[in-house]
Amino acid sequence: MNQSDKKQDHVFQPSSINRNQVYSNFLKYILKGENLRVIFYLQTRVQNTIHRECSVEF
């Protein structure tokens, strides 16, 4: 099995690149798959929770 046959490993190393880039790459990787619906569902739930608990600060 040569290098081109191997599926590229998606390794996220916060120490080598900034954190936003890590999250961005991670999201792009996830959104490529069938998890798109799940991500939007979770995102909506999180946003609704934040709106309900508007006193929470990050």
N, C-alpha and C. Protein backbone atom coordinates (compact mmCIF):
# COMPACT_ATOMS: atom_id res chain seq x y z
N MET A 1 0.85 -1.19 0.00
CA MET A 1 0.00 0.00 0.00
C MET A 1 0.89 1.25 0.00
N ASN A 2 0.85 1.98 -1.08
CA ASN A 2 1.71 3.16 -1.12
C ASN A 2 0.98 4.38 -0.56
N GLN A 3 1.69 5.48 -0.50
CA GLN A 3 1.17 6.66 0.18
C GLN A 3 -0.14 7.17 -0.43
N SER A 4 -0.28 7.08 -1.75
CA SER A 4 -1.47 7.62 -2.40
C SER A 4 -2.70 6.75 -2.16
N ASP A 5 -2.49 5.49 -1.80
CA ASP A 5 -3.62 4.61 -1.54
C ASP A 5 -4.19 4.79 -0.14
N LYS A 6 -3.35 5.31 0.75
CA LYS A 6 -3.79 5.46 2.14
C LYS A 6 -4.73 6.65 2.27
N LYS A 7 -5.77 6.46 3.05
CA LYS A 7 -6.68 7.57 3.32
C LYS A 7 -5.94 8.57 4.21
N GLN A 8 -6.05 9.82 3.86
CA GLN A 8 -5.34 10.83 4.63
C GLN A 8 -5.89 10.89 6.05
N ASP A 9 -4.97 10.87 7.01
CA ASP A 9 -5.39 10.97 8.40
C ASP A 9 -5.68 12.44 8.71
N HIS A 10 -6.78 12.67 9.39
CA HIS A 10 -7.11 14.03 9.78
C HIS A 10 -6.71 14.20 11.24
N VAL A 11 -5.51 14.74 11.42
CA VAL A 11 -5.00 14.93 12.77
C VAL A 11 -4.97 16.42 13.06
N PHE A 12 -5.55 16.81 14.17
CA PHE A 12 -5.62 18.21 14.51
C PHE A 12 -4.66 18.48 15.67
N GLN A 13 -3.68 19.33 15.40
CA GLN A 13 -2.66 19.60 16.41
C GLN A 13 -2.66 21.08 16.75
N PRO A 14 -3.31 21.43 17.85
CA PRO A 14 -3.41 22.84 18.24
C PRO A 14 -2.06 23.50 18.41
N SER A 15 -1.04 22.73 18.73
CA SER A 15 0.27 23.32 18.97
C SER A 15 0.92 23.81 17.68
N SER A 16 0.55 23.21 16.54
CA SER A 16 1.21 23.56 15.29
C SER A 16 0.48 24.66 14.53
N ILE A 17 -0.83 24.80 14.73
CA ILE A 17 -1.59 25.86 14.08
C ILE A 17 -2.55 26.46 15.09
N ASN A 18 -3.07 27.65 14.77
CA ASN A 18 -3.92 28.28 15.78
C ASN A 18 -5.24 27.55 15.95
N ARG A 19 -5.86 27.78 17.07
CA ARG A 19 -7.04 27.02 17.48
C ARG A 19 -8.21 27.20 16.51
N ASN A 20 -8.40 28.41 16.02
CA ASN A 20 -9.50 28.64 15.08
C ASN A 20 -9.34 27.81 13.83
N GLN A 21 -8.10 27.69 13.36
CA GLN A 21 -7.85 26.89 12.16
C GLN A 21 -8.15 25.43 12.44
N VAL A 22 -7.83 24.97 13.63
CA VAL A 22 -8.12 23.59 14.01
C VAL A 22 -9.62 23.34 13.96
N TYR A 23 -10.39 24.23 14.59
CA TYR A 23 -11.83 24.07 14.59
C TYR A 23 -12.40 24.14 13.18
N SER A 24 -11.86 25.07 12.39
CA SER A 24 -12.33 25.24 11.01
C SER A 24 -12.10 23.96 10.22
N ASN A 25 -10.91 23.41 10.32
CA ASN A 25 -10.59 22.17 9.61
C ASN A 25 -11.48 21.04 10.09
N PHE A 26 -11.69 20.98 11.39
CA PHE A 26 -12.50 19.92 11.98
C PHE A 26 -13.94 20.00 11.46
N LEU A 27 -14.49 21.21 11.43
CA LEU A 27 -15.86 21.39 10.94
C LEU A 27 -15.97 21.03 9.46
N LYS A 28 -14.98 21.46 8.66
CA LYS A 28 -15.01 21.14 7.23
C LYS A 28 -14.98 19.63 7.04
N TYR A 29 -14.17 18.96 7.85
CA TYR A 29 -14.04 17.50 7.76
C TYR A 29 -15.38 16.84 8.10
N ILE A 30 -16.02 17.31 9.16
CA ILE A 30 -17.30 16.73 9.57
C ILE A 30 -18.39 17.02 8.54
N LEU A 31 -18.42 18.27 8.04
CA LEU A 31 -19.50 18.68 7.14
C LEU A 31 -19.41 18.01 5.78
N LYS A 32 -18.27 17.39 5.48
CA LYS A 32 -18.15 16.67 4.22
C LYS A 32 -19.00 15.41 4.21
N GLY A 33 -19.26 14.89 5.40
CA GLY A 33 -20.00 13.63 5.50
C GLY A 33 -21.49 13.83 5.65
N GLU A 34 -22.16 12.75 6.03
CA GLU A 34 -23.61 12.79 6.17
C GLU A 34 -24.04 13.40 7.50
N ASN A 35 -23.07 13.88 8.26
CA ASN A 35 -23.38 14.43 9.58
C ASN A 35 -23.90 15.86 9.50
N LEU A 36 -24.07 16.37 8.27
CA LEU A 36 -24.51 17.75 8.10
C LEU A 36 -25.79 18.04 8.86
N ARG A 37 -26.77 17.14 8.72
CA ARG A 37 -28.06 17.32 9.40
C ARG A 37 -27.87 17.33 10.91
N VAL A 38 -27.05 16.44 11.40
CA VAL A 38 -26.83 16.32 12.84
C VAL A 38 -26.17 17.59 13.38
N ILE A 39 -25.18 18.08 12.65
CA ILE A 39 -24.47 19.29 13.08
C ILE A 39 -25.44 20.48 13.16
N PHE A 40 -26.27 20.65 12.13
CA PHE A 40 -27.22 21.76 12.15
C PHE A 40 -28.22 21.60 13.29
N TYR A 41 -28.62 20.36 13.55
CA TYR A 41 -29.55 20.09 14.65
C TYR A 41 -28.92 20.49 15.98
N LEU A 42 -27.68 20.04 16.18
CA LEU A 42 -26.99 20.35 17.44
C LEU A 42 -26.75 21.85 17.57
N GLN A 43 -26.36 22.48 16.45
CA GLN A 43 -26.10 23.91 16.47
C GLN A 43 -27.36 24.67 16.86
N THR A 44 -28.49 24.25 16.32
CA THR A 44 -29.77 24.89 16.63
C THR A 44 -30.11 24.71 18.11
N ARG A 45 -29.88 23.50 18.62
CA ARG A 45 -30.16 23.25 20.04
C ARG A 45 -29.29 24.14 20.92
N VAL A 46 -28.02 24.25 20.57
CA VAL A 46 -27.10 25.08 21.36
C VAL A 46 -27.53 26.54 21.32
N GLN A 47 -27.87 27.03 20.13
CA GLN A 47 -28.30 28.43 20.01
C GLN A 47 -29.56 28.68 20.82
N ASN A 48 -30.50 27.75 20.78
CA ASN A 48 -31.73 27.91 21.56
C ASN A 48 -31.43 27.96 23.04
N THR A 49 -30.51 27.11 23.47
CA THR A 49 -30.12 27.08 24.88
C THR A 49 -29.49 28.41 25.28
N ILE A 50 -28.62 28.93 24.42
CA ILE A 50 -27.95 30.20 24.71
C ILE A 50 -28.98 31.33 24.79
N HIS A 51 -29.96 31.32 23.90
CA HIS A 51 -30.99 32.36 23.93
C HIS A 51 -31.80 32.28 25.22
N ARG A 52 -32.09 31.06 25.66
CA ARG A 52 -32.85 30.90 26.90
C ARG A 52 -32.03 31.35 28.10
N GLU A 53 -30.74 31.04 28.06
CA GLU A 53 -29.87 31.38 29.19
C GLU A 53 -29.01 32.57 28.80
N CYS A 54 -29.65 33.68 28.53
CA CYS A 54 -28.93 34.81 27.96
C CYS A 54 -27.98 35.47 28.95
N SER A 55 -28.02 35.06 30.21
CA SER A 55 -27.10 35.63 31.19
C SER A 55 -25.73 34.95 31.15
N VAL A 56 -25.66 33.85 30.42
CA VAL A 56 -24.39 33.12 30.34
C VAL A 56 -23.40 33.90 29.49
N GLU A 57 -22.18 34.05 30.00
CA GLU A 57 -21.14 34.74 29.25
C GLU A 57 -20.02 33.79 28.93
N PHE A 58 -19.40 34.00 27.77
CA PHE A 58 -18.30 33.11 27.38
C PHE A 58 -16.99 33.86 27.48
